[in-house]
Amino acid sequence: MAKQYRNLINGEMIETGEWLDVVNPANEEVIGQVPACGKDELDKAVAAARAAFKTWRKTPIDDRRAAIMAISAAIKENADELFRLLTSEQGKPHAQAQQEIYGAAGMAAAQSTLSLDEEVVQDDDTRLHRVRRVPVGVVGGIVPWNFPVMMAIQKIVPAMLSGCTIVLKPSPFTPLTTLRLAELIADKVPAGVVNIITGEDDLGPMITQHPDIDKITFTGSTATGKKIMEGASADLKRITLELGGNDASIVLPDADPKKVAEQLFWASFANAGQVCIAAKRVYIHEDIYDELSAAIVEYAKNVKVGDGAQQGTGVGPIQNRKQYERVLELIEDAREKGYKFLLGGEKDPSGTGYYVPITILDNPPEDARIVAEEQFGPVMPLMKFKDEDEVIARANNSEYGLAGAVWTANPDKGVEIAEQLETGTVWVNEFMHLSPFAPFGGHKQSGFGAEYGKEGLKEFTYPQAITVKRDNVPA
């Protein structure tokens, strides 16, 4: 029988008697079961968070930081167990799972150092006028399946640091590592401050519409983000939405194909392409297109697709069947339209596990579905461009605006182009680097609000202005 994991409500590990199966995408075997929570469990979790908020909001910031550091330490001390469990439920290779686990521990520790200082806007004989940040209240956090531990931490930590309490819902596809973490921190955080409950997709709307939740922080698709925004509007909940992207990488003609081929490959294919900030459209200047595309394909041929738990695997399976079928549908559409493939384009013949062969397309048109839509899989369309104005316009011609990258021997030129891209983040000569101290958020339909840094921490607070009139004290 598969191992059963419990939920964290008010400091206690609980179960409901009803269970959801969790499947290993590498072999489609059930590897764990988690509680199927509904309205009753959600009400209990929210009530616990509401009760804890009264005390937690008044807890000194140094004590809040100590609790966050205890979470960071628990992740590090149990990293070996956690990364292996993460691979088994998410599919990513062990090395990438290690990066997520240690990254989550590091992110928690780094973000615990943030603070939102009071601002004095007037201090004279007439009045003292200061602005402080106060916690929003009870937060509902909804986490996706591609980086379940990192995304949980980037919601739990700023909520705790700001003085909020949180009810977190992991994805039903990848809840196991998060629930194991819940078990590890249950006695390290005051009861009710962090609550983690699992359920099917209908639990998300219940959280969004719960009258005693004050803020929603969600990472996932733009379509779901719009529904959350609509659901949260009934009582004007505060929201942070980190949504989809169709990120463009631009390779200028002075870039050395031998130096950038491997980096461009991983910009697209890390975590089997299931990254909101992966390079999903790669524009290469026509002067180096043939040489660079050949170098990327040559590198790709030596990357093993397989079970992330096996040594030497570089690209694991797609995490779930629904996404697997969507990626295959996009590839089949490209085949039917007659677009040229430099590599891949077939379905894995083995039949077990959600494997998509590494797929690289040769200069498909801008209106191809595989270019215009976010693939979220191991697919890389390469496109030629002639001049800077043209490629900037093509890169910006998207409803998304999450991230992008410029590759060039001239960093100043890279920055000049970066400043013209309509995205929340742009990298020059690197990819997917996120700082705990810099805001991360999308423009256009890629999101609402920000995570990380002081900007992200502010999302869990209200500004409150307090004015004292000094020359009008009633005697």
Protein backbone atom coordinates (compact mmCIF):
# COMPACT_ATOMS: atom_id res chain seq x y z
CA MET A 1 0.00 0.00 0.00
CA ALA A 2 1.23 3.47 -0.88
CA LYS A 3 2.42 5.66 2.00
CA GLN A 4 -0.20 8.04 3.38
CA TYR A 5 0.71 11.64 4.18
CA ARG A 6 -1.25 13.92 6.50
CA ASN A 7 -2.21 17.60 6.48
CA LEU A 8 -1.11 20.31 8.90
CA ILE A 9 -3.96 22.17 10.62
CA ASN A 10 -3.44 24.19 13.81
CA GLY A 11 -0.16 22.44 14.61
CA GLU A 12 -1.63 18.94 14.27
CA MET A 13 -1.08 16.38 11.49
CA ILE A 14 -4.58 15.27 10.44
CA GLU A 15 -6.30 12.99 7.94
CA THR A 16 -9.87 12.90 6.60
CA GLY A 17 -10.40 9.20 5.90
CA GLU A 18 -10.71 10.01 2.19
CA TRP A 19 -7.58 9.80 0.07
CA LEU A 20 -6.22 11.05 -3.25
CA ASP A 21 -3.63 9.03 -5.16
CA VAL A 22 -0.33 10.64 -6.22
CA VAL A 23 1.38 9.15 -9.29
CA ASN A 24 5.05 8.97 -10.29
CA PRO A 25 5.11 10.43 -13.83
CA ALA A 26 8.16 8.32 -14.73
CA ASN A 27 6.27 5.02 -14.43
CA GLU A 28 2.62 5.96 -13.68
CA GLU A 29 2.68 4.04 -10.37
CA VAL A 30 0.86 5.31 -7.26
CA ILE A 31 3.56 6.40 -4.80
CA GLY A 32 1.51 8.09 -2.09
CA GLN A 33 -1.89 9.17 -0.88
CA VAL A 34 -2.96 12.49 0.61
CA PRO A 35 -6.15 13.62 2.39
CA ALA A 36 -9.05 14.80 0.25
CA CYS A 37 -10.10 17.98 2.07
CA GLY A 38 -13.32 19.88 1.57
CA LYS A 39 -15.16 22.77 3.17
CA ASP A 40 -14.98 21.41 6.75
CA GLU A 41 -11.20 21.03 6.76
CA LEU A 42 -10.75 24.38 5.02
CA ASP A 43 -12.95 26.08 7.62
CA LYS A 44 -10.87 24.53 10.42
CA ALA A 45 -7.61 25.62 8.80
CA VAL A 46 -8.85 29.18 8.22
CA ALA A 47 -10.20 29.40 11.79
CA ALA A 48 -6.82 28.25 13.12
CA ALA A 49 -5.03 30.83 10.96
CA ARG A 50 -7.43 33.58 12.06
CA ALA A 51 -6.91 32.75 15.75
CA ALA A 52 -3.12 32.55 15.35
CA PHE A 53 -3.03 35.87 13.49
CA LYS A 54 -4.07 37.80 16.61
CA THR A 55 -0.85 36.75 18.35
CA TRP A 56 1.49 36.31 15.40
CA ARG A 57 0.97 39.86 14.09
CA LYS A 58 2.28 41.16 17.45
CA THR A 59 5.21 38.72 17.60
CA PRO A 60 8.56 40.57 17.39
CA ILE A 61 10.14 40.39 13.94
CA ASP A 62 13.23 38.67 15.32
CA ASP A 63 11.04 35.83 16.63
CA ARG A 64 9.33 35.55 13.25
CA ARG A 65 12.75 35.39 11.60
CA ALA A 66 13.83 32.64 14.00
CA ALA A 67 10.79 30.54 13.01
CA ILE A 68 11.61 31.03 9.32
CA MET A 69 15.22 30.03 9.93
CA ALA A 70 13.96 26.88 11.67
CA ILE A 71 12.04 26.03 8.48
CA SER A 72 15.18 26.65 6.40
CA ALA A 73 17.21 24.41 8.72
CA ALA A 74 14.60 21.63 8.57
CA ILE A 75 14.75 21.64 4.77
CA LYS A 76 18.56 21.51 4.75
CA GLU A 77 18.81 18.82 7.41
CA ASN A 78 16.40 16.57 5.50
CA ALA A 79 17.46 17.56 1.98
CA ASP A 80 18.47 14.07 0.89
CA GLU A 81 15.07 12.57 1.72
CA LEU A 82 13.19 15.57 0.34
CA PHE A 83 14.90 15.78 -3.06
CA ARG A 84 14.39 12.06 -3.71
CA LEU A 85 10.71 12.34 -2.80
CA LEU A 86 10.43 15.42 -5.02
CA THR A 87 11.84 13.54 -8.03
CA SER A 88 9.45 10.65 -7.47
CA GLU A 89 6.35 12.88 -7.59
CA GLN A 90 7.46 15.68 -9.94
CA GLY A 91 9.76 13.83 -12.34
CA LYS A 92 12.72 16.24 -12.45
CA PRO A 93 16.20 14.65 -12.35
CA HIS A 94 17.86 14.31 -8.95
CA ALA A 95 20.34 17.14 -9.61
CA GLN A 96 17.52 19.57 -10.44
CA ALA A 97 15.48 18.35 -7.45
CA GLN A 98 18.48 19.03 -5.20
CA GLN A 99 18.70 22.54 -6.63
CA GLU A 100 15.05 23.15 -5.77
CA ILE A 101 15.35 21.81 -2.19
CA TYR A 102 18.58 23.64 -1.33
CA GLY A 103 17.30 26.70 -3.23
CA ALA A 104 14.15 26.74 -1.09
CA ALA A 105 16.23 26.57 2.10
CA GLY A 106 18.48 29.38 0.87
CA MET A 107 15.53 31.47 -0.30
CA ALA A 108 13.85 31.18 3.11
CA ALA A 109 17.03 32.20 4.95
CA ALA A 110 17.74 35.13 2.63
CA GLN A 111 14.18 36.45 2.66
CA SER A 112 14.06 36.29 6.46
CA THR A 113 16.52 39.22 6.47
CA LEU A 114 14.11 41.55 4.68
CA SER A 115 12.31 44.33 6.55
CA LEU A 116 9.82 47.07 5.80
CA ASP A 117 10.90 50.11 7.77
CA GLU A 118 8.57 52.84 8.85
CA GLU A 119 8.79 56.03 6.83
CA VAL A 120 8.52 59.43 8.50
CA VAL A 121 7.07 61.87 5.96
CA GLN A 122 6.77 64.84 8.33
CA ASP A 123 8.41 65.52 11.67
CA ASP A 124 8.23 69.15 12.81
CA ASP A 125 6.58 71.35 15.42
CA THR A 126 3.19 70.98 13.72
CA ARG A 127 2.87 67.20 13.36
CA LEU A 128 4.49 63.78 13.26
CA HIS A 129 3.31 61.88 10.19
CA ARG A 130 4.61 58.33 9.71
CA VAL A 131 3.73 55.43 7.40
CA ARG A 132 4.07 51.84 8.56
CA ARG A 133 3.23 48.46 7.02
CA VAL A 134 0.66 46.24 8.74
CA PRO A 135 -0.08 42.59 7.88
CA VAL A 136 -3.08 41.87 5.63
CA GLY A 137 -4.31 38.94 7.74
CA VAL A 138 -5.01 35.35 6.67
CA VAL A 139 -3.41 34.38 3.35
CA GLY A 140 -4.59 31.65 1.00
CA GLY A 141 -1.68 30.24 -0.99
CA ILE A 142 -2.17 28.06 -4.09
CA VAL A 143 0.92 26.30 -5.46
CA PRO A 144 1.58 24.65 -8.87
CA TRP A 145 3.17 21.29 -9.69
CA ASN A 146 6.37 22.36 -11.44
CA PHE A 147 8.32 23.70 -8.41
CA PRO A 148 6.12 22.65 -5.49
CA VAL A 149 8.61 23.20 -2.66
CA MET A 150 10.14 26.45 -3.90
CA MET A 151 6.71 27.90 -4.66
CA ALA A 152 5.40 26.90 -1.23
CA ILE A 153 8.36 28.59 0.48
CA GLN A 154 8.00 31.78 -1.56
CA LYS A 155 4.46 32.12 -0.22
CA ILE A 156 4.94 30.86 3.36
CA VAL A 157 8.03 32.94 4.17
CA PRO A 158 6.86 36.47 3.25
CA ALA A 159 3.47 35.74 4.81
CA MET A 160 5.13 34.76 8.10
CA LEU A 161 7.68 37.57 8.01
CA SER A 162 5.02 40.23 7.44
CA GLY A 163 2.96 38.98 10.40
CA CYS A 164 0.32 37.13 8.37
CA THR A 165 -0.78 33.53 8.79
CA ILE A 166 -1.34 31.18 5.85
CA VAL A 167 -3.44 28.30 4.56
CA LEU A 168 -1.50 26.67 1.72
CA LYS A 169 -2.85 24.28 -0.93
CA PRO A 170 -0.26 22.25 -2.85
CA SER A 171 -1.12 20.89 -6.30
CA PRO A 172 -2.87 17.51 -6.09
CA PHE A 173 -0.24 16.26 -8.56
CA THR A 174 2.76 17.09 -6.32
CA PRO A 175 1.76 17.38 -2.63
CA LEU A 176 4.04 14.77 -1.05
CA THR A 177 7.26 16.72 -0.45
CA THR A 178 5.29 19.69 0.86
CA LEU A 179 3.37 17.50 3.32
CA ARG A 180 6.59 15.84 4.46
CA LEU A 181 7.94 19.35 5.06
CA ALA A 182 4.74 20.18 6.98
CA GLU A 183 5.50 17.25 9.28
CA LEU A 184 9.07 18.47 9.80
CA ILE A 185 8.02 22.03 10.75
CA ALA A 186 4.85 21.30 12.73
CA ASP A 187 6.64 21.83 16.05
CA LYS A 188 8.86 24.68 14.80
CA VAL A 189 6.11 27.19 13.97
CA PRO A 190 3.34 28.27 16.38
CA ALA A 191 0.09 26.37 15.85
CA GLY A 192 -2.12 27.92 13.16
CA VAL A 193 0.54 30.17 11.62
CA VAL A 194 1.18 27.73 8.75
CA ASN A 195 -1.56 25.31 7.67
CA ILE A 196 -1.15 23.00 4.66
CA ILE A 197 -4.16 21.14 3.25
CA THR A 198 -4.67 19.02 0.14
CA GLY A 199 -7.65 18.45 -2.09
CA GLU A 200 -8.80 18.27 -5.67
CA ASP A 201 -9.15 21.24 -7.99
CA ASP A 202 -12.44 22.34 -6.38
CA LEU A 203 -10.56 23.23 -3.18
CA GLY A 204 -8.89 26.19 -4.97
CA PRO A 205 -12.13 28.13 -5.62
CA MET A 206 -13.24 27.43 -2.03
CA ILE A 207 -10.04 29.13 -0.82
CA THR A 208 -10.46 32.03 -3.25
CA GLN A 209 -14.03 32.66 -2.11
CA HIS A 210 -13.62 31.98 1.63
CA PRO A 211 -14.97 35.01 3.51
CA ASP A 212 -12.30 34.83 6.24
CA ILE A 213 -9.29 34.79 3.90
CA ASP A 214 -7.89 38.28 3.26
CA LYS A 215 -5.35 37.66 0.49
CA ILE A 216 -4.72 35.13 -2.27
CA THR A 217 -1.25 34.39 -3.63
CA PHE A 218 -1.34 32.07 -6.65
CA THR A 219 1.18 30.67 -9.10
CA GLY A 220 -0.17 28.92 -12.19
CA SER A 221 -1.81 29.46 -15.55
CA THR A 222 -3.17 32.78 -16.79
CA ALA A 223 -6.60 31.20 -17.39
CA THR A 224 -6.84 30.07 -13.75
CA GLY A 225 -5.42 33.40 -12.57
CA LYS A 226 -8.30 35.22 -14.25
CA LYS A 227 -10.80 32.97 -12.45
CA ILE A 228 -9.06 33.66 -9.13
CA MET A 229 -9.15 37.40 -9.74
CA GLU A 230 -12.87 37.12 -10.46
CA GLY A 231 -13.51 34.98 -7.36
CA ALA A 232 -11.48 37.28 -5.10
CA SER A 233 -13.34 40.37 -6.34
CA ALA A 234 -16.51 39.57 -4.35
CA ASP A 235 -14.95 40.80 -1.11
CA LEU A 236 -11.97 42.67 -2.61
CA LYS A 237 -9.33 40.23 -1.42
CA ARG A 238 -5.76 41.34 -2.09
CA ILE A 239 -4.15 39.17 -4.78
CA THR A 240 -0.73 38.28 -6.13
CA LEU A 241 -0.80 36.34 -9.39
CA GLU A 242 2.35 34.82 -10.89
CA LEU A 243 1.08 33.47 -14.20
CA GLY A 244 2.18 32.09 -17.56
CA GLY A 245 4.91 33.27 -19.87
CA ASN A 246 6.03 32.86 -23.46
CA ASP A 247 9.55 34.11 -22.91
CA ALA A 248 11.79 35.13 -25.77
CA SER A 249 15.56 34.69 -25.90
CA ILE A 250 17.33 36.93 -28.44
CA VAL A 251 20.78 35.90 -29.70
CA LEU A 252 22.71 38.73 -31.36
CA PRO A 253 25.16 38.05 -34.23
CA ASP A 254 28.25 38.70 -32.06
CA ALA A 255 27.40 35.78 -29.70
CA ASP A 256 29.72 32.77 -29.95
CA PRO A 257 27.60 29.72 -30.90
CA LYS A 258 30.01 27.35 -29.16
CA LYS A 259 29.67 29.27 -25.88
CA VAL A 260 25.91 29.81 -25.84
CA ALA A 261 24.53 26.55 -27.32
CA GLU A 262 24.57 24.58 -24.06
CA GLN A 263 23.20 27.49 -22.02
CA LEU A 264 20.40 28.10 -24.51
CA PHE A 265 19.53 24.40 -24.42
CA TRP A 266 19.05 24.43 -20.65
CA ALA A 267 17.23 27.78 -20.80
CA SER A 268 14.53 25.84 -22.68
CA PHE A 269 14.81 22.30 -21.35
CA ALA A 270 15.47 22.56 -17.58
CA ASN A 271 12.70 20.71 -15.72
CA ALA A 272 11.58 19.30 -19.11
CA GLY A 273 10.60 22.84 -20.14
CA GLN A 274 8.04 23.06 -17.33
CA VAL A 275 9.23 26.45 -16.10
CA CYS A 276 7.21 29.66 -16.43
CA ILE A 277 10.46 31.54 -17.22
CA ALA A 278 11.92 28.97 -19.65
CA ALA A 279 13.02 30.23 -23.08
CA LYS A 280 9.98 29.30 -25.14
CA ARG A 281 10.86 31.30 -28.27
CA VAL A 282 14.51 31.55 -29.36
CA TYR A 283 15.35 34.25 -31.92
CA ILE A 284 18.78 33.84 -33.53
CA HIS A 285 20.35 36.37 -35.90
CA GLU A 286 20.48 35.01 -39.44
CA ASP A 287 24.29 35.41 -39.60
CA ILE A 288 24.79 32.69 -36.96
CA TYR A 289 21.49 30.81 -37.21
CA ASP A 290 22.77 27.73 -39.04
CA GLU A 291 25.87 27.33 -36.89
CA LEU A 292 24.09 27.89 -33.57
CA SER A 293 21.06 25.73 -34.38
CA ALA A 294 23.41 22.89 -35.39
CA ALA A 295 25.38 23.30 -32.14
CA ILE A 296 22.19 23.18 -30.02
CA VAL A 297 21.00 20.04 -31.82
CA GLU A 298 24.40 18.38 -31.43
CA TYR A 299 24.36 19.09 -27.69
CA ALA A 300 20.76 17.90 -27.36
CA LYS A 301 21.56 14.52 -28.91
CA ASN A 302 23.74 13.71 -25.88
CA VAL A 303 21.11 14.59 -23.26
CA LYS A 304 19.31 11.55 -21.86
CA VAL A 305 15.52 11.65 -21.49
CA GLY A 306 14.30 9.28 -18.78
CA ASP A 307 13.41 8.62 -15.16
CA GLY A 308 14.79 11.46 -13.04
CA ALA A 309 15.85 8.94 -10.37
CA GLN A 310 18.24 7.21 -12.79
CA GLN A 311 21.83 8.36 -13.05
CA GLY A 312 22.63 10.37 -16.15
CA THR A 313 19.08 11.59 -16.85
CA GLY A 314 19.05 15.20 -18.03
CA VAL A 315 15.38 15.65 -18.96
CA GLY A 316 12.65 13.85 -17.02
CA PRO A 317 9.00 13.17 -17.88
CA ILE A 318 6.18 15.66 -18.16
CA GLN A 319 4.61 15.84 -14.69
CA ASN A 320 1.03 14.77 -15.47
CA ARG A 321 -1.02 13.16 -18.23
CA LYS A 322 -3.08 16.26 -19.06
CA GLN A 323 0.03 18.37 -19.70
CA TYR A 324 1.71 15.46 -21.51
CA GLU A 325 -1.20 15.22 -23.94
CA ARG A 326 -1.20 18.99 -24.49
CA VAL A 327 2.51 19.03 -25.42
CA LEU A 328 1.99 16.10 -27.81
CA GLU A 329 -0.97 17.95 -29.34
CA LEU A 330 1.20 21.03 -30.03
CA ILE A 331 3.92 18.87 -31.61
CA GLU A 332 1.36 17.01 -33.74
CA ASP A 333 -0.11 20.35 -34.88
CA ALA A 334 3.38 21.41 -36.03
CA ARG A 335 3.83 18.11 -37.88
CA GLU A 336 0.46 18.47 -39.61
CA LYS A 337 1.32 22.02 -40.68
CA GLY A 338 4.54 20.74 -42.26
CA TYR A 339 6.96 22.68 -40.03
CA LYS A 340 10.53 21.40 -40.11
CA PHE A 341 11.96 19.54 -37.10
CA LEU A 342 15.68 19.59 -36.40
CA LEU A 343 15.22 17.00 -33.65
CA GLY A 344 12.35 14.99 -32.15
CA GLY A 345 8.75 15.45 -33.10
CA GLU A 346 7.66 11.93 -32.21
CA LYS A 347 5.96 10.39 -29.20
CA ASP A 348 8.05 8.14 -26.97
CA PRO A 349 7.28 4.59 -28.15
CA SER A 350 7.75 2.84 -24.78
CA GLY A 351 4.23 3.65 -23.62
CA THR A 352 4.96 3.90 -19.86
CA GLY A 353 5.61 7.29 -18.26
CA TYR A 354 4.92 10.76 -19.64
CA TYR A 355 8.03 11.14 -21.80
CA VAL A 356 8.30 13.60 -24.67
CA PRO A 357 11.51 13.39 -26.75
CA ILE A 358 13.57 16.59 -26.92
CA THR A 359 12.02 18.52 -29.79
CA ILE A 360 13.64 21.41 -31.70
CA LEU A 361 11.89 23.17 -34.59
CA ASP A 362 13.52 25.00 -37.49
CA ASN A 363 12.15 28.50 -38.07
CA PRO A 364 8.37 27.96 -37.68
CA PRO A 365 6.16 31.01 -38.37
CA GLU A 366 5.17 33.41 -35.59
CA ASP A 367 1.52 32.32 -35.75
CA ALA A 368 2.34 28.63 -35.28
CA ARG A 369 0.63 27.34 -32.14
CA ILE A 370 3.95 25.95 -30.92
CA VAL A 371 5.34 29.52 -31.00
CA ALA A 372 2.31 31.60 -30.01
CA GLU A 373 1.23 29.40 -27.07
CA GLU A 374 3.18 28.56 -23.92
CA GLN A 375 4.35 24.98 -24.56
CA PHE A 376 5.44 24.07 -20.99
CA GLY A 377 7.30 21.03 -22.24
CA PRO A 378 10.61 19.96 -23.85
CA VAL A 379 10.01 21.89 -27.07
CA MET A 380 12.24 24.63 -28.53
CA PRO A 381 11.25 26.67 -31.60
CA LEU A 382 14.29 28.40 -33.19
CA MET A 383 13.55 31.44 -35.38
CA LYS A 384 15.70 33.69 -37.59
CA PHE A 385 15.75 37.47 -37.43
CA LYS A 386 17.48 40.21 -39.44
CA ASP A 387 17.60 43.38 -37.32
CA GLU A 388 17.06 44.57 -33.76
CA ASP A 389 13.85 46.54 -34.25
CA GLU A 390 12.24 43.57 -35.95
CA VAL A 391 13.17 41.08 -33.23
CA ILE A 392 12.15 43.41 -30.39
CA ALA A 393 8.72 43.83 -32.03
CA ARG A 394 8.38 40.05 -32.47
CA ALA A 395 9.45 39.36 -28.89
CA ASN A 396 6.93 41.89 -27.56
CA ASN A 397 4.10 40.61 -29.76
CA SER A 398 2.61 38.43 -27.03
CA GLU A 399 -0.14 38.69 -24.43
CA TYR A 400 2.50 37.53 -21.92
CA GLY A 401 5.32 39.54 -20.37
CA LEU A 402 7.07 37.44 -17.74
CA ALA A 403 10.78 37.24 -18.61
CA GLY A 404 13.25 37.26 -21.49
CA ALA A 405 16.96 37.11 -22.26
CA VAL A 406 19.53 38.69 -24.57
CA TRP A 407 22.76 36.93 -25.53
CA THR A 408 25.60 39.09 -26.86
CA ALA A 409 29.32 39.80 -26.66
CA ASN A 410 28.39 43.43 -25.91
CA PRO A 411 26.57 43.66 -22.52
CA ASP A 412 25.79 47.36 -23.08
CA LYS A 413 23.94 46.47 -26.28
CA GLY A 414 22.21 43.68 -24.36
CA VAL A 415 20.94 46.16 -21.76
CA GLU A 416 19.79 48.54 -24.51
CA ILE A 417 17.60 45.78 -25.95
CA ALA A 418 16.54 44.50 -22.52
CA GLU A 419 15.11 47.91 -21.66
CA GLN A 420 12.83 47.69 -24.70
CA LEU A 421 11.33 44.31 -23.81
CA GLU A 422 7.86 44.35 -22.19
CA THR A 423 8.59 41.84 -19.42
CA GLY A 424 9.06 41.87 -15.66
CA THR A 425 12.55 40.35 -15.81
CA VAL A 426 15.24 40.36 -18.50
CA TRP A 427 18.60 38.59 -18.30
CA VAL A 428 21.67 39.47 -20.30
CA ASN A 429 23.94 36.47 -20.91
CA GLU A 430 22.24 34.18 -18.40
CA PHE A 431 18.84 32.64 -17.69
CA MET A 432 16.46 31.85 -14.82
CA HIS A 433 18.46 33.69 -12.15
CA LEU A 434 16.14 34.96 -9.41
CA SER A 435 17.31 37.01 -6.44
CA PRO A 436 15.55 36.90 -3.06
CA PHE A 437 16.08 40.67 -2.93
CA ALA A 438 14.68 41.69 -6.36
CA PRO A 439 11.00 41.69 -7.34
CA PHE A 440 9.79 38.95 -9.66
CA GLY A 441 6.50 39.50 -11.45
CA GLY A 442 4.91 39.68 -14.86
CA HIS A 443 3.74 42.43 -17.15
CA LYS A 444 0.56 42.19 -19.25
CA GLN A 445 -1.22 38.83 -18.76
CA SER A 446 1.74 37.24 -16.98
CA GLY A 447 0.67 38.43 -13.60
CA PHE A 448 -0.41 40.89 -10.99
CA GLY A 449 1.87 42.08 -8.20
CA ALA A 450 5.31 40.69 -7.40
CA GLU A 451 7.13 38.08 -5.36
CA TYR A 452 10.59 38.28 -3.75
CA GLY A 453 12.37 41.32 -2.36
CA LYS A 454 10.75 44.21 -0.53
CA GLU A 455 8.19 44.58 -3.33
CA GLY A 456 7.07 41.00 -2.75
CA LEU A 457 6.97 41.43 1.02
CA LYS A 458 4.82 44.57 0.68
CA GLU A 459 2.18 42.44 -1.09
CA PHE A 460 1.35 40.86 2.29
CA THR A 461 0.81 44.23 3.98
CA TYR A 462 -1.29 47.38 3.93
CA PRO A 463 0.26 50.83 4.31
CA GLN A 464 -1.09 52.62 7.37
CA ALA A 465 -0.50 56.37 7.85
CA ILE A 466 -0.60 57.73 11.42
CA THR A 467 -0.57 61.48 12.00
CA VAL A 468 -0.11 63.19 15.37
CA LYS A 469 -0.99 66.91 15.47
CA ARG A 470 1.57 68.35 17.88
CA ASP A 471 0.32 71.91 18.28
CA ASN A 472 -3.25 70.96 19.15
CA VAL A 473 -3.04 68.79 22.27
CA PRO A 474 -6.19 69.20 24.41
CA ALA A 475 -4.94 70.14 27.85
